[in-house]
Amino acid sequence: MIVGVGIDVESVERFRRMRRRVFELVVRKVLTEGESEYCLAKPDPYPCVVARFCAKEAFAKALGIERPGSVPFKDVEVLGKPPKLTAKGVAAELLAKLGVDRVHVSLTHTRDYAAAVVVLEKSC
């Protein structure tokens, strides 16, 4: 049974226009170490970083959270190909509270836009 669905779309260009220091701060605050290593190793890290930001926003929306920051960004990690979303800390507690036993994530990006969809599911 589907418990929640979230989607987020962001402009990659908005992140490209950030000053380098600001972008680096976003990477440090939003991405886990594994996500940072994966994205920053790419010739153009921006779409990768923004797609993961979208996944974290979509995850919060799927949980029905309306207040930004209620789930720490680093409690949600998206790694692998195909991508797999894992949760720890507050994020994992919220999933357990809802009885969620499967999390599906889909990422897409172009040079200009990135998007993510997250579906939360529990067994009946």
PDB file of N, CA and C in Angstrom:
ATOM      1  N   MET A   1       0.839  -1.170   0.000  1.00  0.00           N
ATOM      2  CA  MET A   1       0.000   0.000   0.000  1.00  0.00           C
ATOM      3  C   MET A   1       0.895   1.248   0.000  1.00  0.00           C
ATOM      4  N   ILE A   2       0.550   2.208  -0.826  1.00  0.00           N
ATOM      5  CA  ILE A   2       1.330   3.445  -0.894  1.00  0.00           C
ATOM      6  C   ILE A   2       0.952   4.340   0.280  1.00  0.00           C
ATOM      7  N   VAL A   3       1.970   4.789   0.992  1.00  0.00           N
ATOM      8  CA  VAL A   3       1.792   5.640   2.160  1.00  0.00           C
ATOM      9  C   VAL A   3       1.980   7.109   1.789  1.00  0.00           C
ATOM     10  N   GLY A   4       2.872   7.364   0.844  1.00  0.00           N
ATOM     11  CA  GLY A   4       3.130   8.746   0.450  1.00  0.00           C
ATOM     12  C   GLY A   4       3.904   8.827  -0.847  1.00  0.00           C
ATOM     13  N   VAL A   5       3.704   9.934  -1.549  1.00  0.00           N
ATOM     14  CA  VAL A   5       4.425  10.213  -2.791  1.00  0.00           C
ATOM     15  C   VAL A   5       4.895  11.658  -2.721  1.00  0.00           C
ATOM     16  N   GLY A   6       6.145  11.882  -3.094  1.00  0.00           N
ATOM     17  CA  GLY A   6       6.679  13.241  -3.130  1.00  0.00           C
ATOM     18  C   GLY A   6       7.455  13.467  -4.406  1.00  0.00           C
ATOM     19  N   ILE A   7       7.436  14.690  -4.889  1.00  0.00           N
ATOM     20  CA  ILE A   7       8.183  15.052  -6.090  1.00  0.00           C
ATOM     21  C   ILE A   7       8.804  16.422  -5.879  1.00  0.00           C
ATOM     22  N   ASP A   8       9.967  16.631  -6.462  1.00  0.00           N
ATOM     23  CA  ASP A   8      10.604  17.940  -6.412  1.00  0.00           C
ATOM     24  C   ASP A   8      11.360  18.160  -7.710  1.00  0.00           C
ATOM     25  N   VAL A   9      11.302  19.379  -8.213  1.00  0.00           N
ATOM     26  CA  VAL A   9      12.014  19.789  -9.426  1.00  0.00           C
ATOM     27  C   VAL A   9      12.759  21.074  -9.095  1.00  0.00           C
ATOM     28  N   GLU A  10      14.014  21.142  -9.493  1.00  0.00           N
ATOM     29  CA  GLU A  10      14.826  22.330  -9.224  1.00  0.00           C
ATOM     30  C   GLU A  10      15.599  22.734 -10.471  1.00  0.00           C
ATOM     31  N   SER A  11      15.902  24.003 -10.555  1.00  0.00           N
ATOM     32  CA  SER A  11      16.735  24.530 -11.631  1.00  0.00           C
ATOM     33  C   SER A  11      18.204  24.294 -11.293  1.00  0.00           C
ATOM     34  N   VAL A  12      18.890  23.586 -12.151  1.00  0.00           N
ATOM     35  CA  VAL A  12      20.329  23.375 -11.952  1.00  0.00           C
ATOM     36  C   VAL A  12      21.050  24.715 -12.088  1.00  0.00           C
ATOM     37  N   GLU A  13      20.558  25.547 -12.981  1.00  0.00           N
ATOM     38  CA  GLU A  13      21.179  26.865 -13.210  1.00  0.00           C
ATOM     39  C   GLU A  13      21.195  27.705 -11.936  1.00  0.00           C
ATOM     40  N   ARG A  14      20.159  27.587 -11.128  1.00  0.00           N
ATOM     41  CA  ARG A  14      20.112  28.333  -9.861  1.00  0.00           C
ATOM     42  C   ARG A  14      21.303  27.963  -8.981  1.00  0.00           C
ATOM     43  N   PHE A  15      21.666  26.692  -8.965  1.00  0.00           N
ATOM     44  CA  PHE A  15      22.813  26.238  -8.179  1.00  0.00           C
ATOM     45  C   PHE A  15      24.121  26.670  -8.843  1.00  0.00           C
ATOM     46  N   ARG A  16      24.161  26.647 -10.178  1.00  0.00           N
ATOM     47  CA  ARG A  16      25.367  27.086 -10.895  1.00  0.00           C
ATOM     48  C   ARG A  16      25.669  28.559 -10.614  1.00  0.00           C
ATOM     49  N   ARG A  17      24.624  29.359 -10.429  1.00  0.00           N
ATOM     50  CA  ARG A  17      24.818  30.799 -10.206  1.00  0.00           C
ATOM     51  C   ARG A  17      25.286  31.118  -8.787  1.00  0.00           C
ATOM     52  N   MET A  18      25.226  30.136  -7.902  1.00  0.00           N
ATOM     53  CA  MET A  18      25.698  30.368  -6.529  1.00  0.00           C
ATOM     54  C   MET A  18      27.201  30.632  -6.555  1.00  0.00           C
ATOM     55  N   ARG A  19      27.637  31.466  -5.654  1.00  0.00           N
ATOM     56  CA  ARG A  19      29.085  31.638  -5.502  1.00  0.00           C
ATOM     57  C   ARG A  19      29.671  30.302  -5.084  1.00  0.00           C
ATOM     58  N   ARG A  20      30.888  30.080  -5.473  1.00  0.00           N
ATOM     59  CA  ARG A  20      31.543  28.795  -5.197  1.00  0.00           C
ATOM     60  C   ARG A  20      31.447  28.421  -3.719  1.00  0.00           C
ATOM     61  N   ARG A  21      31.725  29.395  -2.842  1.00  0.00           N
ATOM     62  CA  ARG A  21      31.681  29.127  -1.390  1.00  0.00           C
ATOM     63  C   ARG A  21      30.285  28.702  -0.945  1.00  0.00           C
ATOM     64  N   VAL A  22      29.269  29.339  -1.497  1.00  0.00           N
ATOM     65  CA  VAL A  22      27.890  29.011  -1.126  1.00  0.00           C
ATOM     66  C   VAL A  22      27.545  27.603  -1.608  1.00  0.00           C
ATOM     67  N   PHE A  23      27.934  27.280  -2.850  1.00  0.00           N
ATOM     68  CA  PHE A  23      27.684  25.934  -3.372  1.00  0.00           C
ATOM     69  C   PHE A  23      28.385  24.886  -2.506  1.00  0.00           C
ATOM     70  N   GLU A  24      29.631  25.150  -2.127  1.00  0.00           N
ATOM     71  CA  GLU A  24      30.370  24.209  -1.276  1.00  0.00           C
ATOM     72  C   GLU A  24      29.681  24.043   0.078  1.00  0.00           C
ATOM     73  N   LEU A  25      29.119  25.117   0.600  1.00  0.00           N
ATOM     74  CA  LEU A  25      28.382  25.045   1.866  1.00  0.00           C
ATOM     75  C   LEU A  25      27.129  24.185   1.694  1.00  0.00           C
ATOM     76  N   VAL A  26      26.418  24.362   0.594  1.00  0.00           N
ATOM     77  CA  VAL A  26      25.231  23.549   0.313  1.00  0.00           C
ATOM     78  C   VAL A  26      25.619  22.076   0.259  1.00  0.00           C
ATOM     79  N   VAL A  27      26.702  21.772  -0.442  1.00  0.00           N
ATOM     80  CA  VAL A  27      27.162  20.380  -0.547  1.00  0.00           C
ATOM     81  C   VAL A  27      27.450  19.822   0.843  1.00  0.00           C
ATOM     82  N   ARG A  28      28.150  20.586   1.677  1.00  0.00           N
ATOM     83  CA  ARG A  28      28.491  20.112   3.028  1.00  0.00           C
ATOM     84  C   ARG A  28      27.257  19.928   3.909  1.00  0.00           C
ATOM     85  N   LYS A  29      26.277  20.813   3.774  1.00  0.00           N
ATOM     86  CA  LYS A  29      25.083  20.766   4.630  1.00  0.00           C
ATOM     87  C   LYS A  29      24.050  19.740   4.161  1.00  0.00           C
ATOM     88  N   VAL A  30      23.981  19.497   2.848  1.00  0.00           N
ATOM     89  CA  VAL A  30      22.909  18.676   2.290  1.00  0.00           C
ATOM     90  C   VAL A  30      23.334  17.242   2.008  1.00  0.00           C
ATOM     91  N   LEU A  31      24.522  17.055   1.457  1.00  0.00           N
ATOM     92  CA  LEU A  31      24.942  15.723   1.021  1.00  0.00           C
ATOM     93  C   LEU A  31      25.705  14.965   2.099  1.00  0.00           C
ATOM     94  N   THR A  32      25.537  13.652   2.094  1.00  0.00           N
ATOM     95  CA  THR A  32      26.357  12.801   2.958  1.00  0.00           C
ATOM     96  C   THR A  32      27.751  12.720   2.341  1.00  0.00           C
ATOM     97  N   GLU A  33      28.675  12.161   3.065  1.00  0.00           N
ATOM     98  CA  GLU A  33      30.041  12.015   2.546  1.00  0.00           C
ATOM     99  C   GLU A  33      30.047  11.179   1.261  1.00  0.00           C
ATOM    100  N   GLY A  34      29.295  10.087   1.265  1.00  0.00           N
ATOM    101  CA  GLY A  34      29.230   9.227   0.083  1.00  0.00           C
ATOM    102  C   GLY A  34      28.640   9.939  -1.122  1.00  0.00           C
ATOM    103  N   GLU A  35      27.585  10.716  -0.891  1.00  0.00           N
ATOM    104  CA  GLU A  35      26.969  11.474  -1.985  1.00  0.00           C
ATOM    105  C   GLU A  35      27.933  12.525  -2.523  1.00  0.00           C
ATOM    106  N   SER A  36      28.627  13.208  -1.618  1.00  0.00           N
ATOM    107  CA  SER A  36      29.601  14.226  -2.033  1.00  0.00           C
ATOM    108  C   SER A  36      30.688  13.623  -2.901  1.00  0.00           C
ATOM    109  N   GLU A  37      31.251  12.515  -2.439  1.00  0.00           N
ATOM    110  CA  GLU A  37      32.316  11.862  -3.206  1.00  0.00           C
ATOM    111  C   GLU A  37      31.822  11.474  -4.593  1.00  0.00           C
ATOM    112  N   TYR A  38      30.622  10.918  -4.658  1.00  0.00           N
ATOM    113  CA  TYR A  38      30.060  10.472  -5.932  1.00  0.00           C
ATOM    114  C   TYR A  38      29.838  11.653  -6.879  1.00  0.00           C
ATOM    115  N   CYS A  39      29.179  12.687  -6.388  1.00  0.00           N
ATOM    116  CA  CYS A  39      28.827  13.822  -7.253  1.00  0.00           C
ATOM    117  C   CYS A  39      30.038  14.670  -7.641  1.00  0.00           C
ATOM    118  N   LEU A  40      30.904  14.947  -6.679  1.00  0.00           N
ATOM    119  CA  LEU A  40      32.031  15.831  -6.959  1.00  0.00           C
ATOM    120  C   LEU A  40      33.081  15.183  -7.852  1.00  0.00           C
ATOM    121  N   ALA A  41      33.015  13.865  -8.032  1.00  0.00           N
ATOM    122  CA  ALA A  41      33.941  13.171  -8.940  1.00  0.00           C
ATOM    123  C   ALA A  41      33.506  13.322 -10.399  1.00  0.00           C
ATOM    124  N   LYS A  42      32.305  13.812 -10.616  1.00  0.00           N
ATOM    125  CA  LYS A  42      31.790  13.964 -11.982  1.00  0.00           C
ATOM    126  C   LYS A  42      32.359  15.234 -12.618  1.00  0.00           C
ATOM    127  N   PRO A  43      32.540  15.230 -13.954  1.00  0.00           N
ATOM    128  CA  PRO A  43      33.043  16.434 -14.630  1.00  0.00           C
ATOM    129  C   PRO A  43      32.142  17.655 -14.389  1.00  0.00           C
ATOM    130  N   ASP A  44      30.838  17.440 -14.329  1.00  0.00           N
ATOM    131  CA  ASP A  44      29.875  18.498 -14.012  1.00  0.00           C
ATOM    132  C   ASP A  44      29.050  18.013 -12.821  1.00  0.00           C
ATOM    133  N   PRO A  45      29.437  18.399 -11.605  1.00  0.00           N
ATOM    134  CA  PRO A  45      28.756  17.874 -10.413  1.00  0.00           C
ATOM    135  C   PRO A  45      27.377  18.475 -10.143  1.00  0.00           C
ATOM    136  N   TYR A  46      27.071  19.600 -10.757  1.00  0.00           N
ATOM    137  CA  TYR A  46      25.834  20.308 -10.419  1.00  0.00           C
ATOM    138  C   TYR A  46      24.561  19.475 -10.595  1.00  0.00           C
ATOM    139  N   PRO A  47      24.324  18.850 -11.757  1.00  0.00           N
ATOM    140  CA  PRO A  47      23.085  18.064 -11.890  1.00  0.00           C
ATOM    141  C   PRO A  47      22.972  16.950 -10.848  1.00  0.00           C
ATOM    142  N   CYS A  48      24.082  16.320 -10.532  1.00  0.00           N
ATOM    143  CA  CYS A  48      24.099  15.239  -9.544  1.00  0.00           C
ATOM    144  C   CYS A  48      23.737  15.767  -8.152  1.00  0.00           C
ATOM    145  N   VAL A  49      24.346  16.873  -7.766  1.00  0.00           N
ATOM    146  CA  VAL A  49      24.072  17.476  -6.459  1.00  0.00           C
ATOM    147  C   VAL A  49      22.606  17.901  -6.370  1.00  0.00           C
ATOM    148  N   VAL A  50      22.127  18.560  -7.416  1.00  0.00           N
ATOM    149  CA  VAL A  50      20.749  19.058  -7.398  1.00  0.00           C
ATOM    150  C   VAL A  50      19.747  17.904  -7.389  1.00  0.00           C
ATOM    151  N   ALA A  51      20.035  16.825  -8.099  1.00  0.00           N
ATOM    152  CA  ALA A  51      19.135  15.661  -8.099  1.00  0.00           C
ATOM    153  C   ALA A  51      19.017  15.077  -6.692  1.00  0.00           C
ATOM    154  N   ARG A  52      20.114  15.027  -5.956  1.00  0.00           N
ATOM    155  CA  ARG A  52      20.064  14.499  -4.592  1.00  0.00           C
ATOM    156  C   ARG A  52      19.325  15.457  -3.658  1.00  0.00           C
ATOM    157  N   PHE A  53      19.519  16.749  -3.871  1.00  0.00           N
ATOM    158  CA  PHE A  53      18.743  17.735  -3.117  1.00  0.00           C
ATOM    159  C   PHE A  53      17.250  17.504  -3.368  1.00  0.00           C
ATOM    160  N   CYS A  54      16.883  17.308  -4.624  1.00  0.00           N
ATOM    161  CA  CYS A  54      15.482  17.043  -4.986  1.00  0.00           C
ATOM    162  C   CYS A  54      14.961  15.784  -4.294  1.00  0.00           C
ATOM    163  N   ALA A  55      15.785  14.744  -4.241  1.00  0.00           N
ATOM    164  CA  ALA A  55      15.361  13.490  -3.606  1.00  0.00           C
ATOM    165  C   ALA A  55      15.047  13.711  -2.132  1.00  0.00           C
ATOM    166  N   LYS A  56      15.856  14.512  -1.468  1.00  0.00           N
ATOM    167  CA  LYS A  56      15.641  14.768  -0.045  1.00  0.00           C
ATOM    168  C   LYS A  56      14.373  15.600   0.176  1.00  0.00           C
ATOM    169  N   GLU A  57      14.138  16.558  -0.705  1.00  0.00           N
ATOM    170  CA  GLU A  57      12.909  17.357  -0.643  1.00  0.00           C
ATOM    171  C   GLU A  57      11.687  16.481  -0.945  1.00  0.00           C
ATOM    172  N   ALA A  58      11.794  15.634  -1.967  1.00  0.00           N
ATOM    173  CA  ALA A  58      10.687  14.739  -2.331  1.00  0.00           C
ATOM    174  C   ALA A  58      10.390  13.760  -1.197  1.00  0.00           C
ATOM    175  N   PHE A  59      11.431  13.292  -0.520  1.00  0.00           N
ATOM    176  CA  PHE A  59      11.268  12.386   0.618  1.00  0.00           C
ATOM    177  C   PHE A  59      10.439  13.062   1.714  1.00  0.00           C
ATOM    178  N   ALA A  60      10.794  14.293   2.045  1.00  0.00           N
ATOM    179  CA  ALA A  60      10.051  15.029   3.080  1.00  0.00           C
ATOM    180  C   ALA A  60       8.595  15.222   2.663  1.00  0.00           C
ATOM    181  N   LYS A  61       8.373  15.524   1.391  1.00  0.00           N
ATOM    182  CA  LYS A  61       7.002  15.697   0.895  1.00  0.00           C
ATOM    183  C   LYS A  61       6.227  14.382   0.972  1.00  0.00           C
ATOM    184  N   ALA A  62       6.879  13.278   0.653  1.00  0.00           N
ATOM    185  CA  ALA A  62       6.220  11.968   0.727  1.00  0.00           C
ATOM    186  C   ALA A  62       5.807  11.650   2.163  1.00  0.00           C
ATOM    187  N   LEU A  63       6.582  12.127   3.120  1.00  0.00           N
ATOM    188  CA  LEU A  63       6.247  11.935   4.535  1.00  0.00           C
ATOM    189  C   LEU A  63       5.130  12.870   4.983  1.00  0.00           C
ATOM    190  N   GLY A  64       4.814  13.855   4.162  1.00  0.00           N
ATOM    191  CA  GLY A  64       3.785  14.823   4.525  1.00  0.00           C
ATOM    192  C   GLY A  64       4.302  15.942   5.401  1.00  0.00           C
ATOM    193  N   ILE A  65       5.617  16.129   5.401  1.00  0.00           N
ATOM    194  CA  ILE A  65       6.227  17.163   6.237  1.00  0.00           C
ATOM    195  C   ILE A  65       6.137  18.504   5.523  1.00  0.00           C
ATOM    196  N   GLU A  66       5.576  19.474   6.205  1.00  0.00           N
ATOM    197  CA  GLU A  66       5.391  20.791   5.604  1.00  0.00           C
ATOM    198  C   GLU A  66       6.462  21.783   6.022  1.00  0.00           C
ATOM    199  N   ARG A  67       7.127  21.528   7.136  1.00  0.00           N
ATOM    200  CA  ARG A  67       8.161  22.452   7.616  1.00  0.00           C
ATOM    201  C   ARG A  67       9.523  22.023   7.103  1.00  0.00           C
ATOM    202  N   PRO A  68      10.169  22.862   6.299  1.00  0.00           N
ATOM    203  CA  PRO A  68      11.519  22.530   5.840  1.00  0.00           C
ATOM    204  C   PRO A  68      12.449  22.353   7.038  1.00  0.00           C
ATOM    205  N   GLY A  69      13.346  21.407   6.934  1.00  0.00           N
ATOM    206  CA  GLY A  69      14.314  21.183   7.997  1.00  0.00           C
ATOM    207  C   GLY A  69      13.850  20.225   9.073  1.00  0.00           C
ATOM    208  N   SER A  70      12.623  19.730   8.991  1.00  0.00           N
ATOM    209  CA  SER A  70      12.124  18.789  10.000  1.00  0.00           C
ATOM    210  C   SER A  70      12.878  17.464   9.950  1.00  0.00           C
ATOM    211  N   VAL A  71      13.345  17.111   8.764  1.00  0.00           N
ATOM    212  CA  VAL A  71      14.166  15.911   8.590  1.00  0.00           C
ATOM    213  C   VAL A  71      15.551  16.386   8.159  1.00  0.00           C
ATOM    214  N   PRO A  72      16.576  16.134   8.973  1.00  0.00           N
ATOM    215  CA  PRO A  72      17.922  16.554   8.572  1.00  0.00           C
ATOM    216  C   PRO A  72      18.298  15.960   7.210  1.00  0.00           C
ATOM    217  N   PHE A  73      18.826  16.808   6.327  1.00  0.00           N
ATOM    218  CA  PHE A  73      19.201  16.356   4.988  1.00  0.00           C
ATOM    219  C   PHE A  73      20.102  15.127   5.024  1.00  0.00           C
ATOM    220  N   LYS A  74      21.044  15.109   5.962  1.00  0.00           N
ATOM    221  CA  LYS A  74      22.016  14.010   5.988  1.00  0.00           C
ATOM    222  C   LYS A  74      21.445  12.714   6.556  1.00  0.00           C
ATOM    223  N   ASP A  75      20.205  12.746   7.025  1.00  0.00           N
ATOM    224  CA  ASP A  75      19.540  11.513   7.459  1.00  0.00           C
ATOM    225  C   ASP A  75      19.018  10.717   6.266  1.00  0.00           C
ATOM    226  N   VAL A  76      19.077  11.321   5.093  1.00  0.00           N
ATOM    227  CA  VAL A  76      18.606  10.686   3.856  1.00  0.00           C
ATOM    228  C   VAL A  76      19.784  10.623   2.892  1.00  0.00           C
ATOM    229  N   GLU A  77      20.052   9.427   2.366  1.00  0.00           N
ATOM    230  CA  GLU A  77      21.185   9.262   1.443  1.00  0.00           C
ATOM    231  C   GLU A  77      20.716   8.539   0.186  1.00  0.00           C
ATOM    232  N   VAL A  78      21.150   9.048  -0.962  1.00  0.00           N
ATOM    233  CA  VAL A  78      20.816   8.434  -2.244  1.00  0.00           C
ATOM    234  C   VAL A  78      22.119   8.079  -2.948  1.00  0.00           C
ATOM    235  N   LEU A  79      22.352   6.778  -3.088  1.00  0.00           N
ATOM    236  CA  LEU A  79      23.567   6.284  -3.738  1.00  0.00           C
ATOM    237  C   LEU A  79      23.206   5.160  -4.693  1.00  0.00           C
ATOM    238  N   GLY A  80      24.129   4.861  -5.587  1.00  0.00           N
ATOM    239  CA  GLY A  80      24.000   3.700  -6.456  1.00  0.00           C
ATOM    240  C   GLY A  80      23.343   3.992  -7.783  1.00  0.00           C
ATOM    241  N   LYS A  81      23.438   2.990  -8.624  1.00  0.00           N
ATOM    242  CA  LYS A  81      22.838   3.037  -9.949  1.00  0.00           C
ATOM    243  C   LYS A  81      22.218   1.689 -10.214  1.00  0.00           C
ATOM    244  N   PRO A  82      20.917   1.523 -10.205  1.00  0.00           N
ATOM    245  CA  PRO A  82      19.923   2.571  -9.998  1.00  0.00           C
ATOM    246  C   PRO A  82      19.993   3.127  -8.579  1.00  0.00           C
ATOM    247  N   PRO A  83      19.518   4.345  -8.392  1.00  0.00           N
ATOM    248  CA  PRO A  83      19.640   4.964  -7.070  1.00  0.00           C
ATOM    249  C   PRO A  83      18.808   4.247  -6.011  1.00  0.00           C
ATOM    250  N   LYS A  84      19.368   4.225  -4.818  1.00  0.00           N
ATOM    251  CA  LYS A  84      18.673   3.636  -3.670  1.00  0.00           C
ATOM    252  C   LYS A  84      18.692   4.670  -2.549  1.00  0.00           C
ATOM    253  N   LEU A  85      17.535   4.908  -1.950  1.00  0.00           N
ATOM    254  CA  LEU A  85      17.430   5.864  -0.857  1.00  0.00           C
ATOM    255  C   LEU A  85      17.453   5.104   0.456  1.00  0.00           C
ATOM    256  N   THR A  86      18.343   5.508   1.344  1.00  0.00           N
ATOM    257  CA  THR A  86      18.389   4.927   2.686  1.00  0.00           C
ATOM    258  C   THR A  86      18.176   6.043   3.707  1.00  0.00           C
ATOM    259  N   ALA A  87      17.559   5.682   4.817  1.00  0.00           N
ATOM    260  CA  ALA A  87      17.243   6.658   5.855  1.00  0.00           C
ATOM    261  C   ALA A  87      17.854   6.223   7.175  1.00  0.00           C
ATOM    262  N   LYS A  88      18.258   7.210   7.971  1.00  0.00           N
ATOM    263  CA  LYS A  88      18.763   6.947   9.320  1.00  0.00           C
ATOM    264  C   LYS A  88      18.224   8.044  10.238  1.00  0.00           C
ATOM    265  N   GLY A  89      18.475   7.906  11.505  1.00  0.00           N
ATOM    266  CA  GLY A  89      18.086   8.944  12.457  1.00  0.00           C
ATOM    267  C   GLY A  89      16.606   9.281  12.418  1.00  0.00           C
ATOM    268  N   VAL A  90      16.308  10.574  12.399  1.00  0.00           N
ATOM    269  CA  VAL A  90      14.925  11.062  12.394  1.00  0.00           C
ATOM    270  C   VAL A  90      14.153  10.510  11.201  1.00  0.00           C
ATOM    271  N   ALA A  91      14.789  10.476  10.035  1.00  0.00           N
ATOM    272  CA  ALA A  91      14.121   9.971   8.822  1.00  0.00           C
ATOM    273  C   ALA A  91      13.690   8.521   9.010  1.00  0.00           C
ATOM    274  N   ALA A  92      14.568   7.696   9.557  1.00  0.00           N
ATOM    275  CA  ALA A  92      14.246   6.282   9.782  1.00  0.00           C
ATOM    276  C   ALA A  92      13.134   6.137  10.825  1.00  0.00           C
ATOM    277  N   GLU A  93      13.170   6.974  11.856  1.00  0.00           N
ATOM    278  CA  GLU A  93      12.124   6.932  12.887  1.00  0.00           C
ATOM    279  C   GLU A  93      10.751   7.254  12.293  1.00  0.00           C
ATOM    280  N   LEU A  94      10.704   8.255  11.417  1.00  0.00           N
ATOM    281  CA  LEU A  94       9.435   8.630  10.791  1.00  0.00           C
ATOM    282  C   LEU A  94       8.918   7.522   9.881  1.00  0.00           C
ATOM    283  N   LEU A  95       9.817   6.871   9.150  1.00  0.00           N
ATOM    284  CA  LEU A  95       9.407   5.749   8.300  1.00  0.00           C
ATOM    285  C   LEU A  95       8.832   4.619   9.152  1.00  0.00           C
ATOM    286  N   ALA A  96       9.505   4.306  10.256  1.00  0.00           N
ATOM    287  CA  ALA A  96       9.044   3.230  11.143  1.00  0.00           C
ATOM    288  C   ALA A  96       7.668   3.566  11.731  1.00  0.00           C
ATOM    289  N   LYS A  97       7.491   4.812  12.113  1.00  0.00           N
ATOM    290  CA  LYS A  97       6.216   5.255  12.690  1.00  0.00           C
ATOM    291  C   LYS A  97       5.054   5.068  11.705  1.00  0.00           C
ATOM    292  N   LEU A  98       5.345   5.259  10.422  1.00  0.00           N
ATOM    293  CA  LEU A  98       4.325   5.084   9.379  1.00  0.00           C
ATOM    294  C   LEU A  98       4.209   3.641   8.900  1.00  0.00           C
ATOM    295  N   GLY A  99       5.122   2.776   9.368  1.00  0.00           N
ATOM    296  CA  GLY A  99       5.108   1.380   8.938  1.00  0.00           C
ATOM    297  C   GLY A  99       5.667   1.163   7.543  1.00  0.00           C
ATOM    298  N   VAL A 100       6.442   2.124   7.056  1.00  0.00           N
ATOM    299  CA  VAL A 100       7.014   2.027   5.709  1.00  0.00           C
ATOM    300  C   VAL A 100       8.101   0.966   5.695  1.00  0.00           C
ATOM    301  N   ASP A 101       8.004   0.030   4.748  1.00  0.00           N
ATOM    302  CA  ASP A 101       9.048  -0.986   4.631  1.00  0.00           C
ATOM    303  C   ASP A 101       9.745  -0.957   3.268  1.00  0.00           C
ATOM    304  N   ARG A 102       9.275  -0.094   2.367  1.00  0.00           N
ATOM    305  CA  ARG A 102       9.969   0.059   1.083  1.00  0.00           C
ATOM    306  C   ARG A 102       9.933   1.524   0.655  1.00  0.00           C
ATOM    307  N   VAL A 103      11.080   1.988   0.187  1.00  0.00           N
ATOM    308  CA  VAL A 103      11.193   3.356  -0.318  1.00  0.00           C
ATOM    309  C   VAL A 103      11.698   3.273  -1.749  1.00  0.00           C
ATOM    310  N   HIS A 104      10.958   3.875  -2.651  1.00  0.00           N
ATOM    311  CA  HIS A 104      11.350   3.906  -4.059  1.00  0.00           C
ATOM    312  C   HIS A 104      11.771   5.332  -4.397  1.00  0.00           C
ATOM    313  N   VAL A 105      12.844   5.471  -5.167  1.00  0.00           N
ATOM    314  CA  VAL A 105      13.292   6.795  -5.596  1.00  0.00           C
ATOM    315  C   VAL A 105      13.668   6.743  -7.069  1.00  0.00           C
ATOM    316  N   SER A 106      13.324   7.787  -7.770  1.00  0.00           N
ATOM    317  CA  SER A 106      13.722   7.931  -9.165  1.00  0.00           C
ATOM    318  C   SER A 106      14.281   9.335  -9.340  1.00  0.00           C
ATOM    319  N   LEU A 107      15.454   9.418  -9.950  1.00  0.00           N
ATOM    320  CA  LEU A 107      16.107  10.701 -10.205  1.00  0.00           C
ATOM    321  C   LEU A 107      16.223  10.918 -11.703  1.00  0.00           C
ATOM    322  N   THR A 108      16.164  12.158 -12.110  1.00  0.00           N
ATOM    323  CA  THR A 108      16.450  12.500 -13.498  1.00  0.00           C
ATOM    324  C   THR A 108      17.046  13.898 -13.524  1.00  0.00           C
ATOM    325  N   HIS A 109      17.888  14.131 -14.498  1.00  0.00           N
ATOM    326  CA  HIS A 109      18.421  15.487 -14.646  1.00  0.00           C
ATOM    327  C   HIS A 109      18.912  15.716 -16.062  1.00  0.00           C
ATOM    328  N   THR A 110      18.871  16.985 -16.418  1.00  0.00           N
ATOM    329  CA  THR A 110      19.467  17.460 -17.656  1.00  0.00           C
ATOM    330  C   THR A 110      20.471  18.518 -17.227  1.00  0.00           C
ATOM    331  N   ARG A 111      21.035  19.182 -18.167  1.00  0.00           N
ATOM    332  CA  ARG A 111      21.954  20.269 -17.821  1.00  0.00           C
ATOM    333  C   ARG A 111      21.209  21.382 -17.073  1.00  0.00           C
ATOM    334  N   ASP A 112      19.920  21.555 -17.360  1.00  0.00           N
ATOM    335  CA  ASP A 112      19.163  22.685 -16.814  1.00  0.00           C
ATOM    336  C   ASP A 112      18.280  22.377 -15.605  1.00  0.00           C
ATOM    337  N   TYR A 113      17.750  21.153 -15.531  1.00  0.00           N
ATOM    338  CA  TYR A 113      16.819  20.811 -14.453  1.00  0.00           C
ATOM    339  C   TYR A 113      17.135  19.447 -13.858  1.00  0.00           C
ATOM    340  N   ALA A 114      16.765  19.301 -12.584  1.00  0.00           N
ATOM    341  CA  ALA A 114      16.864  18.002 -11.910  1.00  0.00           C
ATOM    342  C   ALA A 114      15.532  17.759 -11.214  1.00  0.00           C
ATOM    343  N   ALA A 115      15.174  16.487 -11.111  1.00  0.00           N
ATOM    344  CA  ALA A 115      13.912  16.133 -10.461  1.00  0.00           C
ATOM    345  C   ALA A 115      14.055  14.790  -9.762  1.00  0.00           C
ATOM    346  N   ALA A 116      13.206  14.585  -8.769  1.00  0.00           N
ATOM    347  CA  ALA A 116      13.172  13.307  -8.061  1.00  0.00           C
ATOM    348  C   ALA A 116      11.743  13.011  -7.639  1.00  0.00           C
ATOM    349  N   VAL A 117      11.426  11.727  -7.642  1.00  0.00           N
ATOM    350  CA  VAL A 117      10.143  11.235  -7.140  1.00  0.00           C
ATOM    351  C   VAL A 117      10.456  10.189  -6.079  1.00  0.00           C
ATOM    352  N   VAL A 118       9.759  10.264  -4.958  1.00  0.00           N
ATOM    353  CA  VAL A 118       9.912   9.282  -3.886  1.00  0.00           C
ATOM    354  C   VAL A 118       8.532   8.700  -3.576  1.00  0.00           C
ATOM    355  N   VAL A 119       8.476   7.374  -3.501  1.00  0.00           N
ATOM    356  CA  VAL A 119       7.242   6.674  -3.146  1.00  0.00           C
ATOM    357  C   VAL A 119       7.524   5.845  -1.897  1.00  0.00           C
ATOM    358  N   LEU A 120       6.685   6.018  -0.883  1.00  0.00           N
ATOM    359  CA  LEU A 120       6.803   5.261   0.365  1.00  0.00           C
ATOM    360  C   LEU A 120       5.718   4.194   0.369  1.00  0.00           C
ATOM    361  N   GLU A 121       6.115   2.969   0.708  1.00  0.00           N
ATOM    362  CA  GLU A 121       5.187   1.846   0.629  1.00  0.00           C
ATOM    363  C   GLU A 121       5.282   0.999   1.893  1.00  0.00           C
ATOM    364  N   LYS A 122       4.140   0.438   2.295  1.00  0.00           N
ATOM    365  CA  LYS A 122       4.157  -0.519   3.399  1.00  0.00           C
ATOM    366  C   LYS A 122       3.362  -1.749   2.993  1.00  0.00           C
ATOM    367  N   SER A 123       3.749  -2.883   3.557  1.00  0.00           N
ATOM    368  CA  SER A 123       3.044  -4.132   3.271  1.00  0.00           C
ATOM    369  C   SER A 123       1.690  -4.114   3.957  1.00  0.00           C
ATOM    370  N   CYS A 124       0.728  -4.745   3.325  1.00  0.00           N
ATOM    371  CA  CYS A 124      -0.629  -4.803   3.908  1.00  0.00           C
ATOM    372  C   CYS A 124      -0.743  -5.934   4.891  1.00  0.00           C
TER     373      CYS A 124
END
